[in-house]
Amino acid sequence: MKLEGSALRLTIFVGESDTWHHKPLYHEIVHRAHRAGLAGASVIRGIEGYGASSRIHTTRILSLSEDLPLAIVIIDAEDKIRAFLPQLDELVTKGLVMIDPVEVIRHAGRHGPGQDTR
């Protein structure tokens, strides 16, 4: 899939301990994005942060937080991102979902044309 030029970045902030049907919520979001054919998704684990609850979560050893902030970042064409939003309405009951415009300069896989990607 070639993605170049104007696109949208969908960023979803959730807690590491958030679940969907006994599985990590971030896992469900990434797999649904994959099934929806979106260009790619990454989960980024935060080392410290707070959100709507104003409770600070941190990796510092004395705090031993088990609910660190996670950001799931998905970039694709506007129509594909907007078509995916209803799925997030079902999944994300607490957290932050935001969209911002981006310009994609390069979107290339690790393998060249015709190479096995397994």
Protein backbone atom coordinates (compact mmCIF):
# COMPACT_ATOMS: atom_id res chain seq x y z
CA MET A 1 0.00 0.00 0.00
CA LYS A 2 1.36 3.39 -0.96
CA LEU A 3 0.58 6.33 1.30
CA GLU A 4 1.94 9.73 0.42
CA GLY A 5 0.90 13.36 0.85
CA SER A 6 -1.99 14.58 3.02
CA ALA A 7 -3.23 12.14 5.63
CA LEU A 8 -4.61 12.03 9.16
CA ARG A 9 -2.92 10.85 12.33
CA LEU A 10 -5.30 9.18 14.75
CA THR A 11 -3.91 9.01 18.27
CA ILE A 12 -5.67 7.11 21.04
CA PHE A 13 -4.47 7.48 24.63
CA VAL A 14 -5.51 4.68 26.99
CA GLY A 15 -4.16 3.03 30.11
CA GLU A 16 -2.01 -0.06 29.95
CA SER A 17 -4.47 -1.94 32.17
CA ASP A 18 -7.55 -1.09 30.03
CA THR A 19 -9.12 -4.24 28.61
CA TRP A 20 -11.66 -5.37 26.04
CA HIS A 21 -13.18 -8.81 26.70
CA HIS A 22 -10.29 -9.78 28.99
CA LYS A 23 -7.60 -8.79 26.46
CA PRO A 24 -5.54 -5.60 26.40
CA LEU A 25 -7.51 -2.77 24.78
CA TYR A 26 -4.50 -1.63 22.73
CA HIS A 27 -4.28 -5.15 21.24
CA GLU A 28 -7.91 -5.03 20.12
CA ILE A 29 -7.49 -1.55 18.58
CA VAL A 30 -4.37 -2.57 16.63
CA HIS A 31 -5.95 -5.77 15.34
CA ARG A 32 -9.14 -3.97 14.28
CA ALA A 33 -7.05 -1.33 12.49
CA HIS A 34 -5.21 -4.13 10.68
CA ARG A 35 -8.47 -5.82 9.68
CA ALA A 36 -9.78 -2.45 8.48
CA GLY A 37 -6.80 -2.23 6.11
CA LEU A 38 -5.29 0.87 7.69
CA ALA A 39 -1.72 1.67 6.66
CA GLY A 40 -0.17 0.93 10.05
CA ALA A 41 -0.50 1.23 13.81
CA SER A 42 2.03 1.57 16.61
CA VAL A 43 1.61 1.32 20.37
CA ILE A 44 3.91 3.58 22.35
CA ARG A 45 4.29 3.04 26.09
CA GLY A 46 4.65 6.17 28.19
CA ILE A 47 6.97 6.37 31.16
CA GLU A 48 4.89 8.94 33.00
CA GLY A 49 1.67 10.84 32.53
CA TYR A 50 -1.81 11.71 33.71
CA GLY A 51 -5.16 12.20 32.08
CA ALA A 52 -8.73 13.04 32.94
CA SER A 53 -8.43 11.40 36.37
CA SER A 54 -5.47 13.70 37.24
CA ARG A 55 -3.74 10.67 38.79
CA ILE A 56 -0.04 10.51 37.83
CA HIS A 57 1.17 7.16 36.49
CA THR A 58 4.92 6.56 36.37
CA THR A 59 7.56 3.87 35.82
CA ARG A 60 9.61 5.07 38.77
CA ILE A 61 10.41 2.07 40.98
CA LEU A 62 8.87 3.54 44.14
CA SER A 63 5.52 4.06 42.42
CA LEU A 64 5.25 0.60 40.80
CA SER A 65 2.46 1.75 38.50
CA GLU A 66 0.75 -1.00 36.53
CA ASP A 67 -1.36 1.39 34.49
CA LEU A 68 1.11 3.35 32.41
CA PRO A 69 -0.15 5.55 29.59
CA LEU A 70 -0.22 4.10 26.09
CA ALA A 71 -0.59 5.92 22.79
CA ILE A 72 -1.84 4.03 19.76
CA VAL A 73 -0.89 5.97 16.63
CA ILE A 74 -2.51 5.21 13.27
CA ILE A 75 -1.88 7.17 10.07
CA ASP A 76 -3.84 6.81 6.85
CA ALA A 77 -5.97 8.68 4.34
CA GLU A 78 -8.75 10.81 5.84
CA ASP A 79 -11.61 8.68 4.54
CA LYS A 80 -10.13 5.48 6.00
CA ILE A 81 -9.42 7.05 9.39
CA ARG A 82 -12.91 8.54 9.63
CA ALA A 83 -14.48 5.21 8.63
CA PHE A 84 -12.60 3.57 11.53
CA LEU A 85 -13.87 6.00 14.20
CA PRO A 86 -17.16 4.17 14.94
CA GLN A 87 -15.15 1.16 16.10
CA LEU A 88 -13.37 3.37 18.62
CA ASP A 89 -16.72 4.62 19.95
CA GLU A 90 -17.40 1.03 20.95
CA LEU A 91 -13.93 0.33 22.38
CA VAL A 92 -12.69 3.49 24.09
CA THR A 93 -14.90 4.38 27.05
CA LYS A 94 -12.20 6.34 28.88
CA GLY A 95 -9.11 7.97 27.47
CA LEU A 96 -8.49 10.47 24.68
CA VAL A 97 -9.01 10.11 20.94
CA MET A 98 -7.68 12.81 18.65
CA ILE A 99 -7.03 13.42 14.97
CA ASP A 100 -4.59 15.81 13.40
CA PRO A 101 -3.49 16.43 9.81
CA VAL A 102 -0.07 15.18 8.71
CA GLU A 103 1.92 15.06 5.51
CA VAL A 104 3.38 11.66 4.71
CA ILE A 105 6.81 11.96 3.13
CA ARG A 106 7.60 8.25 2.93
CA HIS A 107 5.73 5.10 3.82
CA ALA A 108 7.77 2.07 2.88
CA GLY A 109 8.10 -1.42 4.31
CA ARG A 110 11.34 -3.18 5.15
CA HIS A 111 11.22 -5.31 2.02
CA GLY A 112 11.42 -4.18 -1.57
CA PRO A 113 8.97 -5.07 -4.34
CA GLY A 114 8.64 -8.78 -4.97
CA GLN A 115 10.42 -9.80 -1.76
CA ASP A 116 8.87 -12.17 0.72
CA THR A 117 7.48 -10.20 3.71
CA ARG A 118 7.01 -13.16 6.05
